[in-house]
Amino acid sequence: MSRAPILSRDTARRQFFRTFLHDVATPLSAVSLHLEGAIRRLARGDNPAESLDVARTELGRVFELFEDGRELLLSEPGDAENFAFDEWVEAAVRAVGGDGIGVEGSTGGRIEGDREKLAEALSSLLINALEHASSAPVRVFRERDGNRLQVRIENVGRLPGDDPEKLFAPRAAGAGKKWGMGLARARLFAADAGGSVQLCQNGDRVSAVLTLPEEPS
């Protein structure tokens, strides 16, 4: 797996904002088209209910997406804590109900950041792995890459589509609950702490990696 680019907090938010605006504009365009369709139906003396119902559904999606994106863009990192990486990973796995998931490897390192938001980032990756894994178990590895610490989550399965980056778009479609906005939040929270999030397909396995800079105690 190639190393994911490390984005500054401002750069990560600008990238998210551009994608977010596009993803809001797309369903708004659909709303406009269906409202025009309703007008044409009325002009012909037909019932516009179907077009209006579709427009209402799309408006609901726009509102939900806008509120989630607005909250994320306006959020500020909480107080930074310095804490042990290995123990934090184990706690995050337990928190998502992953008592049966084996956590392998150790780094002995420490990281610094908003513990709660980083835990949310990691839980999004864990939930995706658990929901998309086949019968084979999900595996979690704690690793060191120079002065950076990584938690790598692997499951047997396939990513939807052929471009993992598209899954970070706020409106990304997928069977899992955390594609799209969940992954976008994970990447932004990682960037707040100077880290990164990456997804890739390796043969029949999906790998999700959260990378964070090691900090002295």
N, C-alpha and C. Protein backbone atom coordinates (compact mmCIF):
# COMPACT_ATOMS: atom_id res chain seq x y z
N MET A 1 0.85 -1.20 0.00
CA MET A 1 0.00 0.00 0.00
C MET A 1 0.88 1.24 0.00
N SER A 2 0.62 2.17 -0.91
CA SER A 2 1.37 3.42 -0.93
C SER A 2 0.95 4.28 0.24
N ARG A 3 1.88 5.10 0.70
CA ARG A 3 1.58 5.95 1.86
C ARG A 3 0.59 7.04 1.46
N ALA A 4 -0.43 7.25 2.29
CA ALA A 4 -1.43 8.28 2.02
C ALA A 4 -0.81 9.65 2.22
N PRO A 5 -1.18 10.63 1.39
CA PRO A 5 -0.66 11.98 1.59
C PRO A 5 -1.14 12.56 2.91
N ILE A 6 -0.23 13.28 3.57
CA ILE A 6 -0.58 13.93 4.83
C ILE A 6 -1.08 15.33 4.52
N LEU A 7 -2.31 15.61 4.89
CA LEU A 7 -2.92 16.90 4.60
C LEU A 7 -2.97 17.74 5.86
N SER A 8 -2.73 19.04 5.69
CA SER A 8 -2.92 19.94 6.82
C SER A 8 -4.41 20.04 7.12
N ARG A 9 -4.73 20.53 8.31
CA ARG A 9 -6.13 20.67 8.69
C ARG A 9 -6.88 21.56 7.69
N ASP A 10 -6.28 22.70 7.31
CA ASP A 10 -6.95 23.62 6.39
C ASP A 10 -7.12 23.01 5.00
N THR A 11 -6.08 22.31 4.52
CA THR A 11 -6.16 21.69 3.21
C THR A 11 -7.24 20.61 3.18
N ALA A 12 -7.29 19.80 4.23
CA ALA A 12 -8.30 18.74 4.30
C ALA A 12 -9.70 19.33 4.30
N ARG A 13 -9.90 20.42 5.02
CA ARG A 13 -11.22 21.04 5.06
C ARG A 13 -11.58 21.69 3.73
N ARG A 14 -10.62 22.28 3.03
CA ARG A 14 -10.91 22.86 1.71
C ARG A 14 -11.31 21.75 0.73
N GLN A 15 -10.61 20.64 0.77
CA GLN A 15 -10.96 19.53 -0.12
C GLN A 15 -12.35 19.01 0.19
N PHE A 16 -12.65 18.85 1.48
CA PHE A 16 -13.97 18.39 1.86
C PHE A 16 -15.04 19.37 1.40
N PHE A 17 -14.78 20.67 1.56
CA PHE A 17 -15.77 21.69 1.23
C PHE A 17 -16.11 21.65 -0.26
N ARG A 18 -15.08 21.49 -1.10
CA ARG A 18 -15.33 21.43 -2.55
C ARG A 18 -16.21 20.22 -2.90
N THR A 19 -15.89 19.08 -2.33
CA THR A 19 -16.69 17.88 -2.59
C THR A 19 -18.09 18.03 -2.02
N PHE A 20 -18.17 18.61 -0.84
CA PHE A 20 -19.45 18.81 -0.16
C PHE A 20 -20.38 19.68 -1.01
N LEU A 21 -19.85 20.79 -1.55
CA LEU A 21 -20.68 21.67 -2.37
C LEU A 21 -21.20 20.94 -3.61
N HIS A 22 -20.34 20.14 -4.23
CA HIS A 22 -20.78 19.37 -5.40
C HIS A 22 -21.87 18.39 -5.02
N ASP A 23 -21.69 17.72 -3.87
CA ASP A 23 -22.66 16.71 -3.46
C ASP A 23 -23.98 17.31 -3.01
N VAL A 24 -23.97 18.56 -2.57
CA VAL A 24 -25.23 19.25 -2.26
C VAL A 24 -25.91 19.71 -3.55
N ALA A 25 -25.12 20.18 -4.49
CA ALA A 25 -25.68 20.71 -5.74
C ALA A 25 -26.34 19.61 -6.57
N THR A 26 -25.81 18.39 -6.52
CA THR A 26 -26.35 17.32 -7.36
C THR A 26 -27.81 17.01 -7.03
N PRO A 27 -28.18 16.73 -5.77
CA PRO A 27 -29.61 16.49 -5.50
C PRO A 27 -30.46 17.73 -5.67
N LEU A 28 -29.89 18.93 -5.48
CA LEU A 28 -30.66 20.15 -5.73
C LEU A 28 -31.05 20.25 -7.20
N SER A 29 -30.14 19.82 -8.07
CA SER A 29 -30.47 19.82 -9.50
C SER A 29 -31.61 18.84 -9.78
N ALA A 30 -31.58 17.69 -9.09
CA ALA A 30 -32.66 16.71 -9.26
C ALA A 30 -33.98 17.27 -8.78
N VAL A 31 -33.95 18.02 -7.67
CA VAL A 31 -35.17 18.66 -7.16
C VAL A 31 -35.74 19.60 -8.21
N SER A 32 -34.86 20.41 -8.80
CA SER A 32 -35.31 21.36 -9.81
C SER A 32 -35.94 20.65 -11.01
N LEU A 33 -35.31 19.56 -11.46
CA LEU A 33 -35.85 18.82 -12.61
C LEU A 33 -37.22 18.24 -12.30
N HIS A 34 -37.39 17.70 -11.11
CA HIS A 34 -38.69 17.08 -10.79
C HIS A 34 -39.77 18.14 -10.54
N LEU A 35 -39.38 19.31 -10.05
CA LEU A 35 -40.36 20.38 -9.92
C LEU A 35 -40.81 20.87 -11.29
N GLU A 36 -39.86 20.95 -12.24
CA GLU A 36 -40.23 21.32 -13.60
C GLU A 36 -41.15 20.25 -14.20
N GLY A 37 -40.87 18.98 -13.87
CA GLY A 37 -41.73 17.92 -14.34
C GLY A 37 -43.14 18.03 -13.78
N ALA A 38 -43.23 18.44 -12.50
CA ALA A 38 -44.55 18.63 -11.89
C ALA A 38 -45.32 19.74 -12.59
N ILE A 39 -44.61 20.82 -12.96
CA ILE A 39 -45.26 21.92 -13.66
C ILE A 39 -45.78 21.46 -15.02
N ARG A 40 -44.97 20.65 -15.73
CA ARG A 40 -45.41 20.16 -17.04
C ARG A 40 -46.62 19.24 -16.89
N ARG A 41 -46.62 18.40 -15.85
CA ARG A 41 -47.76 17.51 -15.63
C ARG A 41 -49.03 18.32 -15.37
N LEU A 42 -48.90 19.36 -14.55
CA LEU A 42 -50.05 20.22 -14.28
C LEU A 42 -50.56 20.87 -15.55
N ALA A 43 -49.63 21.32 -16.40
CA ALA A 43 -50.03 21.97 -17.65
C ALA A 43 -50.80 21.02 -18.56
N ARG A 44 -50.46 19.71 -18.47
CA ARG A 44 -51.16 18.73 -19.29
C ARG A 44 -52.44 18.22 -18.62
N GLY A 45 -52.66 18.68 -17.40
CA GLY A 45 -53.83 18.21 -16.66
C GLY A 45 -53.59 16.90 -15.95
N ASP A 46 -52.30 16.50 -15.81
CA ASP A 46 -51.96 15.24 -15.14
C ASP A 46 -51.69 15.48 -13.65
N ASN A 47 -51.70 14.41 -12.88
CA ASN A 47 -51.42 14.48 -11.45
C ASN A 47 -49.90 14.64 -11.23
N PRO A 48 -49.45 15.68 -10.54
CA PRO A 48 -48.02 15.90 -10.34
C PRO A 48 -47.47 15.20 -9.10
N ALA A 49 -48.25 14.35 -8.45
CA ALA A 49 -47.86 13.77 -7.16
C ALA A 49 -46.53 13.03 -7.24
N GLU A 50 -46.32 12.23 -8.28
CA GLU A 50 -45.10 11.44 -8.36
C GLU A 50 -43.86 12.34 -8.40
N SER A 51 -43.90 13.37 -9.24
CA SER A 51 -42.76 14.28 -9.34
C SER A 51 -42.53 15.02 -8.02
N LEU A 52 -43.61 15.44 -7.38
CA LEU A 52 -43.49 16.15 -6.11
C LEU A 52 -42.94 15.25 -5.01
N ASP A 53 -43.34 13.99 -5.01
CA ASP A 53 -42.83 13.05 -4.00
C ASP A 53 -41.33 12.82 -4.15
N VAL A 54 -40.88 12.69 -5.39
CA VAL A 54 -39.44 12.51 -5.63
C VAL A 54 -38.68 13.76 -5.20
N ALA A 55 -39.22 14.94 -5.54
CA ALA A 55 -38.57 16.19 -5.16
C ALA A 55 -38.48 16.30 -3.64
N ARG A 56 -39.54 15.89 -2.94
CA ARG A 56 -39.51 15.94 -1.48
C ARG A 56 -38.44 15.02 -0.91
N THR A 57 -38.32 13.82 -1.47
CA THR A 57 -37.30 12.88 -1.01
C THR A 57 -35.90 13.45 -1.19
N GLU A 58 -35.66 14.04 -2.37
CA GLU A 58 -34.34 14.62 -2.64
C GLU A 58 -34.06 15.80 -1.72
N LEU A 59 -35.08 16.61 -1.45
CA LEU A 59 -34.90 17.73 -0.53
C LEU A 59 -34.53 17.25 0.86
N GLY A 60 -35.14 16.15 1.29
CA GLY A 60 -34.80 15.59 2.59
C GLY A 60 -33.34 15.16 2.65
N ARG A 61 -32.86 14.57 1.58
CA ARG A 61 -31.45 14.16 1.52
C ARG A 61 -30.53 15.36 1.54
N VAL A 62 -30.91 16.41 0.82
CA VAL A 62 -30.10 17.62 0.81
C VAL A 62 -30.01 18.20 2.22
N PHE A 63 -31.13 18.29 2.90
CA PHE A 63 -31.15 18.89 4.23
C PHE A 63 -30.28 18.09 5.20
N GLU A 64 -30.40 16.77 5.17
CA GLU A 64 -29.60 15.94 6.07
C GLU A 64 -28.12 16.09 5.77
N LEU A 65 -27.77 16.04 4.49
CA LEU A 65 -26.37 16.19 4.10
C LEU A 65 -25.84 17.56 4.49
N PHE A 66 -26.63 18.61 4.25
CA PHE A 66 -26.18 19.96 4.55
C PHE A 66 -25.93 20.14 6.05
N GLU A 67 -26.83 19.62 6.88
CA GLU A 67 -26.67 19.76 8.33
C GLU A 67 -25.44 19.01 8.81
N ASP A 68 -25.22 17.81 8.30
CA ASP A 68 -24.03 17.05 8.70
C ASP A 68 -22.75 17.75 8.26
N GLY A 69 -22.74 18.23 7.01
CA GLY A 69 -21.55 18.91 6.51
C GLY A 69 -21.29 20.22 7.21
N ARG A 70 -22.34 20.97 7.49
CA ARG A 70 -22.19 22.24 8.20
C ARG A 70 -21.60 22.01 9.59
N GLU A 71 -22.11 21.00 10.29
CA GLU A 71 -21.59 20.70 11.63
C GLU A 71 -20.10 20.35 11.57
N LEU A 72 -19.74 19.56 10.56
CA LEU A 72 -18.35 19.13 10.44
C LEU A 72 -17.43 20.28 10.09
N LEU A 73 -17.85 21.13 9.17
CA LEU A 73 -17.01 22.26 8.75
C LEU A 73 -16.79 23.26 9.87
N LEU A 74 -17.78 23.42 10.73
CA LEU A 74 -17.69 24.41 11.82
C LEU A 74 -17.07 23.83 13.08
N SER A 75 -16.85 22.52 13.10
CA SER A 75 -16.31 21.91 14.32
C SER A 75 -14.85 22.32 14.53
N GLU A 76 -14.45 22.40 15.76
CA GLU A 76 -13.09 22.72 16.13
C GLU A 76 -12.51 21.55 16.92
N PRO A 77 -11.20 21.29 16.77
CA PRO A 77 -10.60 20.22 17.56
C PRO A 77 -10.75 20.51 19.05
N GLY A 78 -10.99 19.46 19.82
CA GLY A 78 -11.06 19.63 21.27
C GLY A 78 -9.67 19.73 21.86
N ASP A 79 -9.59 19.71 23.15
CA ASP A 79 -8.30 19.79 23.82
C ASP A 79 -7.46 18.57 23.45
N ALA A 80 -6.22 18.81 23.07
CA ALA A 80 -5.33 17.73 22.69
C ALA A 80 -4.82 17.00 23.93
N GLU A 81 -4.85 15.69 23.85
CA GLU A 81 -4.30 14.86 24.91
C GLU A 81 -3.14 14.05 24.36
N ASN A 82 -2.22 13.70 25.23
CA ASN A 82 -1.12 12.82 24.87
C ASN A 82 -1.41 11.47 25.52
N PHE A 83 -1.57 10.42 24.71
CA PHE A 83 -1.97 9.14 25.28
C PHE A 83 -1.32 7.98 24.53
N ALA A 84 -1.32 6.82 25.19
CA ALA A 84 -0.69 5.62 24.65
C ALA A 84 -1.51 5.08 23.48
N PHE A 85 -0.85 4.89 22.36
CA PHE A 85 -1.50 4.45 21.12
C PHE A 85 -2.07 3.04 21.24
N ASP A 86 -1.27 2.10 21.74
CA ASP A 86 -1.68 0.70 21.75
C ASP A 86 -2.94 0.48 22.58
N GLU A 87 -2.98 1.06 23.78
CA GLU A 87 -4.15 0.90 24.64
C GLU A 87 -5.37 1.59 24.06
N TRP A 88 -5.16 2.71 23.40
CA TRP A 88 -6.26 3.45 22.78
C TRP A 88 -6.91 2.63 21.66
N VAL A 89 -6.09 1.94 20.85
CA VAL A 89 -6.63 1.10 19.78
C VAL A 89 -7.48 -0.02 20.38
N GLU A 90 -6.99 -0.67 21.41
CA GLU A 90 -7.76 -1.76 22.04
C GLU A 90 -9.09 -1.25 22.58
N ALA A 91 -9.08 -0.08 23.21
CA ALA A 91 -10.32 0.48 23.75
C ALA A 91 -11.31 0.80 22.63
N ALA A 92 -10.82 1.32 21.50
CA ALA A 92 -11.70 1.64 20.37
C ALA A 92 -12.33 0.39 19.79
N VAL A 93 -11.58 -0.70 19.72
CA VAL A 93 -12.12 -1.96 19.21
C VAL A 93 -13.22 -2.47 20.13
N ARG A 94 -12.98 -2.43 21.43
CA ARG A 94 -14.00 -2.89 22.38
C ARG A 94 -15.26 -2.03 22.29
N ALA A 95 -15.09 -0.74 22.07
CA ALA A 95 -16.23 0.20 22.07
C ALA A 95 -17.22 -0.09 20.94
N VAL A 96 -16.76 -0.67 19.83
CA VAL A 96 -17.67 -0.98 18.72
C VAL A 96 -18.16 -2.42 18.80
N GLY A 97 -17.96 -3.06 19.93
CA GLY A 97 -18.42 -4.42 20.09
C GLY A 97 -17.52 -5.43 19.43
N GLY A 98 -16.26 -5.10 19.35
CA GLY A 98 -15.32 -6.00 18.68
C GLY A 98 -14.49 -6.82 19.64
N ASP A 99 -15.12 -7.34 20.70
CA ASP A 99 -14.37 -8.14 21.67
C ASP A 99 -13.74 -9.37 21.03
N GLY A 100 -14.35 -9.87 19.96
CA GLY A 100 -13.81 -11.05 19.31
C GLY A 100 -12.75 -10.74 18.28
N ILE A 101 -12.45 -9.48 18.05
CA ILE A 101 -11.44 -9.10 17.07
C ILE A 101 -10.06 -9.14 17.71
N GLY A 102 -9.15 -9.85 17.08
CA GLY A 102 -7.79 -9.89 17.60
C GLY A 102 -7.03 -8.64 17.18
N VAL A 103 -6.38 -8.02 18.15
CA VAL A 103 -5.54 -6.85 17.87
C VAL A 103 -4.09 -7.31 17.97
N GLU A 104 -3.38 -7.21 16.86
CA GLU A 104 -2.02 -7.74 16.79
C GLU A 104 -0.99 -6.62 16.72
N GLY A 105 0.22 -6.95 17.18
CA GLY A 105 1.32 -6.01 17.11
C GLY A 105 1.28 -4.99 18.23
N SER A 106 2.38 -4.31 18.41
CA SER A 106 2.46 -3.23 19.39
C SER A 106 3.51 -2.24 18.94
N THR A 107 3.33 -1.00 19.36
CA THR A 107 4.26 0.06 18.97
C THR A 107 4.97 0.67 20.17
N GLY A 108 4.32 0.64 21.33
CA GLY A 108 4.89 1.30 22.50
C GLY A 108 4.91 2.81 22.37
N GLY A 109 4.20 3.33 21.36
CA GLY A 109 4.25 4.76 21.10
C GLY A 109 3.08 5.52 21.69
N ARG A 110 3.16 6.82 21.56
CA ARG A 110 2.12 7.72 22.05
C ARG A 110 1.72 8.67 20.93
N ILE A 111 0.48 9.12 20.97
CA ILE A 111 -0.01 10.09 20.00
C ILE A 111 -0.63 11.26 20.75
N GLU A 112 -0.92 12.32 20.00
CA GLU A 112 -1.50 13.51 20.63
C GLU A 112 -2.63 14.02 19.74
N GLY A 113 -3.76 14.33 20.37
CA GLY A 113 -4.90 14.84 19.62
C GLY A 113 -6.16 14.77 20.45
N ASP A 114 -7.27 15.05 19.79
CA ASP A 114 -8.58 14.96 20.43
C ASP A 114 -8.95 13.48 20.50
N ARG A 115 -8.83 12.90 21.69
CA ARG A 115 -9.02 11.45 21.84
C ARG A 115 -10.40 11.00 21.35
N GLU A 116 -11.44 11.77 21.66
CA GLU A 116 -12.80 11.38 21.31
C GLU A 116 -13.01 11.39 19.80
N LYS A 117 -12.53 12.43 19.13
CA LYS A 117 -12.72 12.51 17.68
C LYS A 117 -11.87 11.48 16.94
N LEU A 118 -10.68 11.23 17.44
CA LEU A 118 -9.86 10.20 16.82
C LEU A 118 -10.49 8.82 17.01
N ALA A 119 -11.12 8.60 18.18
CA ALA A 119 -11.83 7.34 18.40
C ALA A 119 -13.00 7.20 17.44
N GLU A 120 -13.68 8.31 17.14
CA GLU A 120 -14.78 8.28 16.17
C GLU A 120 -14.25 7.93 14.78
N ALA A 121 -13.09 8.49 14.43
CA ALA A 121 -12.49 8.17 13.13
C ALA A 121 -12.18 6.68 13.04
N LEU A 122 -11.58 6.14 14.07
CA LEU A 122 -11.23 4.72 14.06
C LEU A 122 -12.48 3.84 14.07
N SER A 123 -13.50 4.24 14.82
CA SER A 123 -14.71 3.43 14.87
C SER A 123 -15.40 3.37 13.51
N SER A 124 -15.34 4.45 12.72
CA SER A 124 -15.92 4.42 11.37
C SER A 124 -15.26 3.35 10.51
N LEU A 125 -13.94 3.26 10.61
CA LEU A 125 -13.21 2.26 9.83
C LEU A 125 -13.53 0.85 10.33
N LEU A 126 -13.63 0.69 11.64
CA LEU A 126 -13.94 -0.62 12.21
C LEU A 126 -15.34 -1.08 11.83
N ILE A 127 -16.31 -0.16 11.90
CA ILE A 127 -17.69 -0.52 11.57
C ILE A 127 -17.81 -0.92 10.10
N ASN A 128 -17.13 -0.19 9.21
CA ASN A 128 -17.14 -0.57 7.80
C ASN A 128 -16.61 -1.99 7.62
N ALA A 129 -15.48 -2.28 8.29
CA ALA A 129 -14.87 -3.61 8.15
C ALA A 129 -15.81 -4.69 8.67
N LEU A 130 -16.43 -4.46 9.82
CA LEU A 130 -17.33 -5.45 10.40
C LEU A 130 -18.55 -5.68 9.53
N GLU A 131 -19.09 -4.62 8.92
CA GLU A 131 -20.30 -4.75 8.13
C GLU A 131 -20.05 -5.36 6.76
N HIS A 132 -18.83 -5.22 6.24
CA HIS A 132 -18.55 -5.70 4.89
C HIS A 132 -17.71 -6.96 4.87
N ALA A 133 -17.31 -7.45 6.05
CA ALA A 133 -16.48 -8.65 6.08
C ALA A 133 -17.30 -9.87 5.69
N SER A 134 -16.64 -10.81 5.04
CA SER A 134 -17.28 -12.09 4.76
C SER A 134 -17.15 -12.96 6.01
N SER A 135 -17.15 -14.27 5.85
CA SER A 135 -17.08 -15.15 7.01
C SER A 135 -15.73 -15.07 7.72
N ALA A 136 -14.70 -14.61 7.01
CA ALA A 136 -13.38 -14.50 7.64
C ALA A 136 -13.38 -13.37 8.66
N PRO A 137 -12.61 -13.49 9.73
CA PRO A 137 -12.62 -12.46 10.78
C PRO A 137 -11.93 -11.17 10.34
N VAL A 138 -12.33 -10.08 10.97
CA VAL A 138 -11.64 -8.80 10.80
C VAL A 138 -10.37 -8.84 11.62
N ARG A 139 -9.30 -8.32 11.06
CA ARG A 139 -8.01 -8.32 11.77
C ARG A 139 -7.54 -6.88 11.92
N VAL A 140 -6.97 -6.58 13.08
CA VAL A 140 -6.48 -5.24 13.38
C VAL A 140 -5.01 -5.34 13.75
N PHE A 141 -4.19 -4.49 13.13
CA PHE A 141 -2.76 -4.51 13.36
C PHE A 141 -2.28 -3.13 13.82
N ARG A 142 -1.47 -3.13 14.86
CA ARG A 142 -0.80 -1.89 15.28
C ARG A 142 0.62 -1.94 14.75
N GLU A 143 1.00 -0.90 14.01
CA GLU A 143 2.28 -0.92 13.31
C GLU A 143 2.98 0.43 13.43
N ARG A 144 4.26 0.38 13.15
CA ARG A 144 5.08 1.60 13.14
C ARG A 144 5.66 1.79 11.75
N ASP A 145 5.61 3.03 11.26
CA ASP A 145 6.20 3.38 9.97
C ASP A 145 7.08 4.60 10.21
N GLY A 146 8.32 4.35 10.59
CA GLY A 146 9.20 5.46 10.96
C GLY A 146 8.70 6.14 12.22
N ASN A 147 8.46 7.43 12.10
CA ASN A 147 7.96 8.18 13.26
C ASN A 147 6.44 8.34 13.23
N ARG A 148 5.78 7.44 12.52
CA ARG A 148 4.32 7.47 12.45
C ARG A 148 3.78 6.12 12.90
N LEU A 149 2.65 6.18 13.61
CA LEU A 149 2.01 4.97 14.12
C LEU A 149 0.75 4.70 13.31
N GLN A 150 0.49 3.41 13.06
CA GLN A 150 -0.63 3.05 12.21
C GLN A 150 -1.49 1.98 12.87
N VAL A 151 -2.79 2.10 12.65
CA VAL A 151 -3.69 0.99 12.93
C VAL A 151 -4.28 0.58 11.58
N ARG A 152 -4.01 -0.69 11.22
CA ARG A 152 -4.45 -1.22 9.93
C ARG A 152 -5.54 -2.25 10.18
N ILE A 153 -6.67 -2.07 9.51
CA ILE A 153 -7.84 -2.94 9.67
C ILE A 153 -8.05 -3.68 8.36
N GLU A 154 -8.11 -5.01 8.44
CA GLU A 154 -8.27 -5.81 7.23
C GLU A 154 -9.50 -6.70 7.34
N ASN A 155 -10.23 -6.81 6.24
CA ASN A 155 -11.32 -7.76 6.15
C ASN A 155 -11.38 -8.32 4.74
N VAL A 156 -11.86 -9.55 4.63
CA VAL A 156 -12.05 -10.16 3.31
C VAL A 156 -13.32 -9.56 2.71
N GLY A 157 -13.22 -9.06 1.51
CA GLY A 157 -14.36 -8.44 0.85
C GLY A 157 -13.91 -7.56 -0.29
N ARG A 158 -14.87 -6.80 -0.84
CA ARG A 158 -14.59 -5.92 -1.96
C ARG A 158 -15.13 -4.54 -1.67
N LEU A 159 -14.35 -3.53 -2.02
CA LEU A 159 -14.84 -2.16 -1.94
C LEU A 159 -15.84 -1.92 -3.07
N PRO A 160 -16.92 -1.17 -2.82
CA PRO A 160 -17.82 -0.83 -3.92
C PRO A 160 -17.14 0.13 -4.89
N GLY A 161 -17.16 -0.19 -6.15
CA GLY A 161 -16.52 0.69 -7.13
C GLY A 161 -15.04 0.40 -7.25
N ASP A 162 -14.40 1.09 -8.19
CA ASP A 162 -12.98 0.85 -8.45
C ASP A 162 -12.09 1.99 -7.98
N ASP A 163 -12.65 3.00 -7.32
CA ASP A 163 -11.86 4.14 -6.85
C ASP A 163 -12.18 4.38 -5.38
N PRO A 164 -11.31 3.92 -4.47
CA PRO A 164 -11.59 4.10 -3.05
C PRO A 164 -11.80 5.55 -2.63
N GLU A 165 -11.17 6.48 -3.34
CA GLU A 165 -11.31 7.89 -2.95
C GLU A 165 -12.75 8.38 -3.08
N LYS A 166 -13.51 7.79 -3.99
CA LYS A 166 -14.90 8.21 -4.16
C LYS A 166 -15.73 7.90 -2.92
N LEU A 167 -15.29 6.94 -2.12
CA LEU A 167 -16.04 6.57 -0.93
C LEU A 167 -15.92 7.61 0.18
N PHE A 168 -14.99 8.55 0.04
CA PHE A 168 -14.84 9.62 1.02
C PHE A 168 -15.74 10.81 0.72
N ALA A 169 -16.42 10.80 -0.44
CA ALA A 169 -17.35 11.88 -0.77
C ALA A 169 -18.55 11.80 0.17
N PRO A 170 -19.06 12.94 0.66
CA PRO A 170 -20.17 12.91 1.62
C PRO A 170 -21.38 12.11 1.19
N ARG A 171 -21.71 12.09 -0.12
CA ARG A 171 -22.90 11.37 -0.58
C ARG A 171 -22.57 9.98 -1.11
N ALA A 172 -21.36 9.48 -0.83
CA ALA A 172 -20.98 8.18 -1.37
C ALA A 172 -22.01 7.12 -1.01
N ALA A 173 -22.43 6.36 -2.01
CA ALA A 173 -23.42 5.31 -1.78
C ALA A 173 -22.71 4.01 -1.45
N GLY A 174 -23.29 3.24 -0.58
CA GLY A 174 -22.74 1.94 -0.23
C GLY A 174 -23.65 1.26 0.76
N ALA A 175 -23.43 -0.02 0.94
CA ALA A 175 -24.28 -0.78 1.85
C ALA A 175 -23.99 -0.43 3.30
N GLY A 176 -22.77 0.02 3.58
CA GLY A 176 -22.41 0.30 4.97
C GLY A 176 -22.93 1.63 5.46
N LYS A 177 -23.04 1.77 6.76
CA LYS A 177 -23.56 2.99 7.34
C LYS A 177 -22.53 4.11 7.35
N LYS A 178 -21.25 3.77 7.19
CA LYS A 178 -20.21 4.75 7.40
C LYS A 178 -19.48 5.17 6.12
N TRP A 179 -19.88 4.65 4.96
CA TRP A 179 -19.31 5.21 3.73
C TRP A 179 -19.72 6.67 3.65
N GLY A 180 -18.99 7.44 2.90
CA GLY A 180 -19.39 8.82 2.67
C GLY A 180 -19.06 9.71 3.85
N MET A 181 -20.08 10.25 4.52
CA MET A 181 -19.84 11.22 5.57
C MET A 181 -19.01 10.62 6.70
N GLY A 182 -19.22 9.35 7.02
CA GLY A 182 -18.43 8.72 8.07
C GLY A 182 -16.95 8.72 7.74
N LEU A 183 -16.61 8.36 6.50
CA LEU A 183 -15.21 8.37 6.09
C LEU A 183 -14.67 9.79 5.98
N ALA A 184 -15.51 10.72 5.51
CA ALA A 184 -15.08 12.12 5.43
C ALA A 184 -14.74 12.65 6.82
N ARG A 185 -15.57 12.34 7.80
CA ARG A 185 -15.31 12.77 9.18
C ARG A 185 -14.00 12.15 9.68
N ALA A 186 -13.80 10.86 9.38
CA ALA A 186 -12.59 10.18 9.83
C ALA A 186 -11.35 10.86 9.27
N ARG A 187 -11.39 11.19 7.99
CA ARG A 187 -10.21 11.82 7.36
C ARG A 187 -9.96 13.22 7.94
N LEU A 188 -11.02 13.99 8.17
CA LEU A 188 -10.83 15.34 8.73
C LEU A 188 -10.32 15.27 10.16
N PHE A 189 -10.85 14.35 10.97
CA PHE A 189 -10.40 14.24 12.35
C PHE A 189 -8.95 13.77 12.41
N ALA A 190 -8.57 12.88 11.49
CA ALA A 190 -7.17 12.46 11.42
C ALA A 190 -6.27 13.62 11.03
N ALA A 191 -6.72 14.42 10.05
CA ALA A 191 -5.92 15.58 9.61
C ALA A 191 -5.74 16.58 10.74
N ASP A 192 -6.75 16.73 11.60
CA ASP A 192 -6.62 17.65 12.74
C ASP A 192 -5.44 17.25 13.62
N ALA A 193 -5.13 15.96 13.66
CA ALA A 193 -4.03 15.48 14.50
C ALA A 193 -2.76 15.23 13.68
N GLY A 194 -2.74 15.73 12.44
CA GLY A 194 -1.56 15.56 11.60
C GLY A 194 -1.46 14.20 10.95
N GLY A 195 -2.59 13.49 10.85
CA GLY A 195 -2.56 12.14 10.31
C GLY A 195 -3.33 11.99 9.02
N SER A 196 -3.64 10.75 8.66
CA SER A 196 -4.32 10.46 7.40
C SER A 196 -5.15 9.19 7.53
N VAL A 197 -6.06 9.01 6.58
CA VAL A 197 -6.87 7.80 6.47
C VAL A 197 -6.83 7.34 5.02
N GLN A 198 -6.66 6.04 4.83
CA GLN A 198 -6.57 5.50 3.47
C GLN A 198 -7.33 4.19 3.39
N LEU A 199 -7.98 3.96 2.25
CA LEU A 199 -8.63 2.69 1.94
C LEU A 199 -8.01 2.12 0.67
N CYS A 200 -7.87 0.80 0.62
CA CYS A 200 -7.41 0.21 -0.63
C CYS A 200 -7.85 -1.24 -0.70
N GLN A 201 -7.85 -1.77 -1.92
CA GLN A 201 -8.17 -3.17 -2.18
C GLN A 201 -6.87 -3.91 -2.44
N ASN A 202 -6.59 -4.94 -1.65
CA ASN A 202 -5.40 -5.78 -1.84
C ASN A 202 -5.87 -7.21 -2.11
N GLY A 203 -6.00 -7.56 -3.37
CA GLY A 203 -6.51 -8.88 -3.70
C GLY A 203 -7.95 -9.03 -3.23
N ASP A 204 -8.18 -10.03 -2.37
CA ASP A 204 -9.53 -10.23 -1.85
C ASP A 204 -9.73 -9.56 -0.50
N ARG A 205 -8.80 -8.71 -0.11
CA ARG A 205 -8.88 -8.04 1.19
C ARG A 205 -8.99 -6.53 1.05
N VAL A 206 -9.79 -5.94 1.93
CA VAL A 206 -9.89 -4.49 2.04
C VAL A 206 -9.04 -4.06 3.22
N SER A 207 -8.22 -3.05 3.00
CA SER A 207 -7.38 -2.49 4.07
C SER A 207 -7.77 -1.04 4.32
N ALA A 208 -7.99 -0.72 5.58
CA ALA A 208 -8.22 0.66 6.02
C ALA A 208 -7.12 1.01 7.01
N VAL A 209 -6.46 2.13 6.77
CA VAL A 209 -5.32 2.49 7.60
C VAL A 209 -5.49 3.91 8.14
N LEU A 210 -5.39 4.02 9.46
CA LEU A 210 -5.34 5.32 10.13
C LEU A 210 -3.91 5.53 10.60
N THR A 211 -3.29 6.58 10.10
CA THR A 211 -1.89 6.88 10.42
C THR A 211 -1.83 8.19 11.22
N LEU A 212 -1.04 8.18 12.30
CA LEU A 212 -0.91 9.36 13.17
C LEU A 212 0.55 9.55 13.55
N PRO A 213 0.99 10.79 13.71
CA PRO A 213 2.37 11.02 14.09
C PRO A 213 2.64 10.61 15.54
N GLU A 214 3.80 10.00 15.75
CA GLU A 214 4.19 9.64 17.11
C GLU A 214 4.60 10.90 17.87
N GLU A 215 4.23 10.98 19.11
CA GLU A 215 4.56 12.12 19.95
C GLU A 215 5.31 11.65 21.18
N PRO A 216 6.26 12.45 21.68
CA PRO A 216 6.92 12.08 22.92
C PRO A 216 5.97 12.15 24.09
N SER A 217 6.23 11.41 25.12
CA SER A 217 5.37 11.42 26.31
C SER A 217 5.55 12.73 27.10
